[in-house]
Amino acid sequence: MCLQEQYIFVYDALLEALKAGKTVISCSVFRAEFDQLSVVDAASGKSKLQQQYEASFVFIAFFTSLFNCLHLRFPHFGEILPVSVCCCAVTAVT
């Protein structure tokens, strides 16, 4: 990956993080947030929850490819960023 591609990647990652906004849902409002995400949009025929679920496959495929590419180019990359760090997790927020 050349330097320009790395800058583009970092820029895109930061832009996505800024666009995503709030990504933490507290337990007290989880049900209301879930219900809101479950409403099916008449135009697309999909709920926001379903759209996020489908988008996660694109995200996972991209980062899996990136990880594999970096691992081939830098064999010790796996020691720096273990695969378990790349996995999604659900945690309780208190």
N, C-alpha and C. Protein backbone atom coordinates (compact mmCIF):
# COMPACT_ATOMS: atom_id res chain seq x y z
N MET A 1 0.86 -1.17 0.00
CA MET A 1 0.00 0.00 0.00
C MET A 1 0.91 1.23 0.00
N CYS A 2 0.74 2.09 -0.99
CA CYS A 2 1.59 3.26 -1.07
C CYS A 2 1.12 4.32 -0.08
N LEU A 3 1.94 5.33 0.11
CA LEU A 3 1.66 6.37 1.09
C LEU A 3 0.35 7.10 0.78
N GLN A 4 0.09 7.37 -0.49
CA GLN A 4 -1.15 8.07 -0.85
C GLN A 4 -2.37 7.21 -0.49
N GLU A 5 -2.30 5.91 -0.72
CA GLU A 5 -3.41 5.02 -0.35
C GLU A 5 -3.62 5.00 1.15
N GLN A 6 -2.53 5.07 1.92
CA GLN A 6 -2.65 5.10 3.37
C GLN A 6 -3.35 6.37 3.84
N TYR A 7 -3.00 7.51 3.25
CA TYR A 7 -3.65 8.77 3.61
C TYR A 7 -5.13 8.72 3.25
N ILE A 8 -5.45 8.16 2.09
CA ILE A 8 -6.85 8.05 1.68
C ILE A 8 -7.60 7.14 2.66
N PHE A 9 -6.98 6.04 3.04
CA PHE A 9 -7.60 5.12 4.00
C PHE A 9 -7.87 5.81 5.33
N VAL A 10 -6.88 6.51 5.86
CA VAL A 10 -7.03 7.21 7.15
C VAL A 10 -8.11 8.28 7.04
N TYR A 11 -8.10 9.04 5.95
CA TYR A 11 -9.11 10.07 5.75
C TYR A 11 -10.51 9.46 5.72
N ASP A 12 -10.67 8.38 4.95
CA ASP A 12 -11.98 7.71 4.86
C ASP A 12 -12.42 7.17 6.21
N ALA A 13 -11.49 6.60 6.97
CA ALA A 13 -11.82 6.06 8.29
C ALA A 13 -12.26 7.17 9.24
N LEU A 14 -11.55 8.28 9.23
CA LEU A 14 -11.93 9.41 10.09
C LEU A 14 -13.27 10.00 9.67
N LEU A 15 -13.48 10.13 8.37
CA LEU A 15 -14.74 10.66 7.86
C LEU A 15 -15.90 9.75 8.27
N GLU A 16 -15.72 8.45 8.17
CA GLU A 16 -16.76 7.50 8.57
C GLU A 16 -17.05 7.60 10.06
N ALA A 17 -16.01 7.75 10.87
CA ALA A 17 -16.21 7.88 12.32
C ALA A 17 -16.98 9.15 12.65
N LEU A 18 -16.68 10.24 11.95
CA LEU A 18 -17.40 11.49 12.19
C LEU A 18 -18.84 11.39 11.72
N LYS A 19 -19.07 10.73 10.60
CA LYS A 19 -20.43 10.56 10.09
C LYS A 19 -21.26 9.66 11.00
N ALA A 20 -20.62 8.65 11.58
CA ALA A 20 -21.34 7.68 12.41
C ALA A 20 -21.91 8.34 13.66
N GLY A 21 -21.22 9.32 14.19
CA GLY A 21 -21.73 10.00 15.38
C GLY A 21 -21.78 9.07 16.57
N LYS A 22 -22.89 9.15 17.29
CA LYS A 22 -23.06 8.35 18.50
C LYS A 22 -23.21 6.88 18.13
N THR A 23 -22.38 6.05 18.71
CA THR A 23 -22.47 4.61 18.43
C THR A 23 -22.69 3.80 19.70
N VAL A 24 -22.84 4.47 20.84
CA VAL A 24 -23.07 3.80 22.11
C VAL A 24 -24.52 4.03 22.52
N ILE A 25 -25.19 2.96 22.92
CA ILE A 25 -26.58 3.04 23.39
C ILE A 25 -26.61 2.53 24.82
N SER A 26 -27.09 3.36 25.74
CA SER A 26 -27.16 2.92 27.13
C SER A 26 -28.31 1.94 27.31
N CYS A 27 -28.24 1.13 28.34
CA CYS A 27 -29.25 0.10 28.59
C CYS A 27 -30.63 0.71 28.82
N SER A 28 -30.68 1.89 29.42
CA SER A 28 -31.96 2.50 29.76
C SER A 28 -32.79 2.90 28.54
N VAL A 29 -32.13 3.17 27.42
CA VAL A 29 -32.85 3.58 26.21
C VAL A 29 -32.69 2.57 25.06
N PHE A 30 -32.15 1.40 25.39
CA PHE A 30 -31.88 0.42 24.34
C PHE A 30 -33.15 0.01 23.60
N ARG A 31 -34.22 -0.29 24.33
CA ARG A 31 -35.45 -0.77 23.70
C ARG A 31 -35.99 0.29 22.73
N ALA A 32 -36.02 1.56 23.14
CA ALA A 32 -36.52 2.62 22.27
C ALA A 32 -35.64 2.77 21.02
N GLU A 33 -34.34 2.72 21.20
CA GLU A 33 -33.41 2.82 20.06
C GLU A 33 -33.60 1.63 19.12
N PHE A 34 -33.73 0.43 19.70
CA PHE A 34 -33.91 -0.78 18.88
C PHE A 34 -35.20 -0.69 18.08
N ASP A 35 -36.28 -0.26 18.74
CA ASP A 35 -37.56 -0.12 18.04
C ASP A 35 -37.46 0.88 16.89
N GLN A 36 -36.75 1.97 17.13
CA GLN A 36 -36.58 2.99 16.09
C GLN A 36 -35.77 2.44 14.91
N LEU A 37 -34.74 1.67 15.19
CA LEU A 37 -33.92 1.08 14.14
C LEU A 37 -34.65 -0.04 13.39
N SER A 38 -35.69 -0.61 14.01
CA SER A 38 -36.41 -1.74 13.42
C SER A 38 -37.54 -1.31 12.48
N VAL A 39 -37.86 -0.03 12.44
CA VAL A 39 -38.94 0.46 11.57
C VAL A 39 -38.49 0.30 10.12
N VAL A 40 -39.36 -0.33 9.32
CA VAL A 40 -39.05 -0.58 7.91
C VAL A 40 -39.35 0.67 7.09
N ASP A 41 -38.36 1.10 6.31
CA ASP A 41 -38.51 2.25 5.42
C ASP A 41 -39.32 1.82 4.20
N ALA A 42 -40.37 2.57 3.89
CA ALA A 42 -41.24 2.20 2.77
C ALA A 42 -40.50 2.24 1.43
N ALA A 43 -39.58 3.18 1.27
CA ALA A 43 -38.86 3.32 0.00
C ALA A 43 -37.91 2.15 -0.27
N SER A 44 -37.13 1.78 0.75
CA SER A 44 -36.14 0.72 0.55
C SER A 44 -36.66 -0.66 0.91
N GLY A 45 -37.71 -0.72 1.74
CA GLY A 45 -38.23 -2.01 2.18
C GLY A 45 -37.37 -2.66 3.23
N LYS A 46 -36.43 -1.90 3.80
CA LYS A 46 -35.52 -2.43 4.81
C LYS A 46 -35.49 -1.50 6.01
N SER A 47 -35.25 -2.08 7.17
CA SER A 47 -35.08 -1.27 8.37
C SER A 47 -33.63 -0.77 8.44
N LYS A 48 -33.40 0.24 9.25
CA LYS A 48 -32.03 0.73 9.43
C LYS A 48 -31.16 -0.36 10.03
N LEU A 49 -31.74 -1.18 10.88
CA LEU A 49 -31.00 -2.28 11.50
C LEU A 49 -30.53 -3.27 10.43
N GLN A 50 -31.41 -3.60 9.49
CA GLN A 50 -31.05 -4.51 8.41
C GLN A 50 -29.99 -3.89 7.50
N GLN A 51 -30.11 -2.59 7.22
CA GLN A 51 -29.12 -1.90 6.39
C GLN A 51 -27.76 -1.91 7.06
N GLN A 52 -27.73 -1.68 8.38
CA GLN A 52 -26.46 -1.71 9.11
C GLN A 52 -25.86 -3.11 9.10
N TYR A 53 -26.71 -4.12 9.26
CA TYR A 53 -26.25 -5.50 9.27
C TYR A 53 -25.61 -5.85 7.92
N GLU A 54 -26.26 -5.46 6.83
CA GLU A 54 -25.72 -5.74 5.50
C GLU A 54 -24.43 -4.96 5.25
N ALA A 55 -24.39 -3.73 5.72
CA ALA A 55 -23.17 -2.92 5.55
C ALA A 55 -22.01 -3.49 6.35
N SER A 56 -22.30 -4.17 7.46
CA SER A 56 -21.22 -4.73 8.27
C SER A 56 -20.45 -5.80 7.51
N PHE A 57 -21.12 -6.53 6.60
CA PHE A 57 -20.41 -7.53 5.81
C PHE A 57 -19.39 -6.89 4.87
N VAL A 58 -19.74 -5.75 4.31
CA VAL A 58 -18.81 -5.01 3.45
C VAL A 58 -17.62 -4.55 4.29
N PHE A 59 -17.91 -4.02 5.47
CA PHE A 59 -16.88 -3.54 6.40
C PHE A 59 -15.94 -4.68 6.79
N ILE A 60 -16.51 -5.81 7.18
CA ILE A 60 -15.71 -6.96 7.61
C ILE A 60 -14.86 -7.48 6.45
N ALA A 61 -15.45 -7.56 5.27
CA ALA A 61 -14.69 -8.04 4.10
C ALA A 61 -13.53 -7.11 3.78
N PHE A 62 -13.77 -5.79 3.88
CA PHE A 62 -12.72 -4.82 3.61
C PHE A 62 -11.57 -4.98 4.60
N PHE A 63 -11.88 -5.03 5.90
CA PHE A 63 -10.82 -5.11 6.88
C PHE A 63 -10.14 -6.47 6.91
N THR A 64 -10.86 -7.51 6.54
CA THR A 64 -10.22 -8.82 6.42
C THR A 64 -9.21 -8.79 5.28
N SER A 65 -9.59 -8.20 4.16
CA SER A 65 -8.66 -8.07 3.03
C SER A 65 -7.47 -7.20 3.40
N LEU A 66 -7.74 -6.10 4.09
CA LEU A 66 -6.66 -5.21 4.51
C LEU A 66 -5.71 -5.93 5.45
N PHE A 67 -6.26 -6.64 6.43
CA PHE A 67 -5.43 -7.37 7.39
C PHE A 67 -4.57 -8.40 6.67
N ASN A 68 -5.19 -9.15 5.75
CA ASN A 68 -4.44 -10.17 5.01
C ASN A 68 -3.34 -9.54 4.16
N CYS A 69 -3.64 -8.40 3.54
CA CYS A 69 -2.65 -7.70 2.73
C CYS A 69 -1.48 -7.24 3.60
N LEU A 70 -1.81 -6.63 4.73
CA LEU A 70 -0.75 -6.15 5.62
C LEU A 70 0.05 -7.31 6.19
N HIS A 71 -0.62 -8.41 6.48
CA HIS A 71 0.08 -9.57 7.03
C HIS A 71 1.05 -10.16 6.00
N LEU A 72 0.66 -10.16 4.73
CA LEU A 72 1.56 -10.66 3.69
C LEU A 72 2.75 -9.73 3.49
N ARG A 73 2.48 -8.43 3.58
CA ARG A 73 3.54 -7.45 3.35
C ARG A 73 4.45 -7.30 4.57
N PHE A 74 3.85 -7.38 5.75
CA PHE A 74 4.59 -7.24 7.01
C PHE A 74 4.28 -8.46 7.87
N PRO A 75 5.09 -9.52 7.78
CA PRO A 75 4.79 -10.79 8.46
C PRO A 75 4.56 -10.66 9.97
N HIS A 76 5.13 -9.66 10.62
CA HIS A 76 4.97 -9.52 12.07
C HIS A 76 3.77 -8.66 12.44
N PHE A 77 2.97 -8.27 11.46
CA PHE A 77 1.81 -7.43 11.70
C PHE A 77 0.83 -8.08 12.66
N GLY A 78 0.65 -9.41 12.56
CA GLY A 78 -0.25 -10.14 13.44
C GLY A 78 0.14 -10.06 14.90
N GLU A 79 1.43 -9.85 15.16
CA GLU A 79 1.89 -9.71 16.54
C GLU A 79 1.55 -8.33 17.08
N ILE A 80 1.45 -7.35 16.18
CA ILE A 80 1.14 -5.98 16.59
C ILE A 80 -0.36 -5.82 16.79
N LEU A 81 -1.16 -6.32 15.86
CA LEU A 81 -2.61 -6.21 15.91
C LEU A 81 -3.20 -7.60 15.73
N PRO A 82 -3.46 -8.30 16.85
CA PRO A 82 -4.00 -9.65 16.75
C PRO A 82 -5.36 -9.66 16.07
N VAL A 83 -5.71 -10.77 15.45
CA VAL A 83 -6.98 -10.89 14.75
C VAL A 83 -8.14 -10.63 15.70
N SER A 84 -8.03 -11.02 16.96
CA SER A 84 -9.13 -10.84 17.91
C SER A 84 -9.49 -9.38 18.09
N VAL A 85 -8.55 -8.46 17.87
CA VAL A 85 -8.81 -7.03 17.99
C VAL A 85 -9.71 -6.57 16.85
N CYS A 86 -9.65 -7.25 15.72
CA CYS A 86 -10.43 -6.85 14.54
C CYS A 86 -11.88 -7.32 14.62
N CYS A 87 -12.23 -8.12 15.60
CA CYS A 87 -13.58 -8.68 15.70
C CYS A 87 -14.50 -7.69 16.43
N CYS A 88 -15.76 -7.71 16.05
CA CYS A 88 -16.76 -6.88 16.71
C CYS A 88 -17.12 -7.50 18.04
N ALA A 89 -17.53 -6.66 18.97
CA ALA A 89 -17.94 -7.15 20.29
C ALA A 89 -19.07 -6.27 20.81
N VAL A 90 -19.93 -6.89 21.61
CA VAL A 90 -21.01 -6.15 22.26
C VAL A 90 -20.64 -6.06 23.73
N THR A 91 -20.64 -4.86 24.26
CA THR A 91 -20.29 -4.68 25.66
C THR A 91 -21.40 -3.91 26.36
N ALA A 92 -21.51 -4.13 27.66
CA ALA A 92 -22.50 -3.40 28.45
C ALA A 92 -21.95 -2.04 28.81
N VAL A 93 -22.80 -1.04 28.73
CA VAL A 93 -22.40 0.32 29.09
C VAL A 93 -23.13 0.68 30.37
N THR A 94 -22.37 1.08 31.37
CA THR A 94 -23.00 1.44 32.64
C THR A 94 -23.02 2.94 32.85
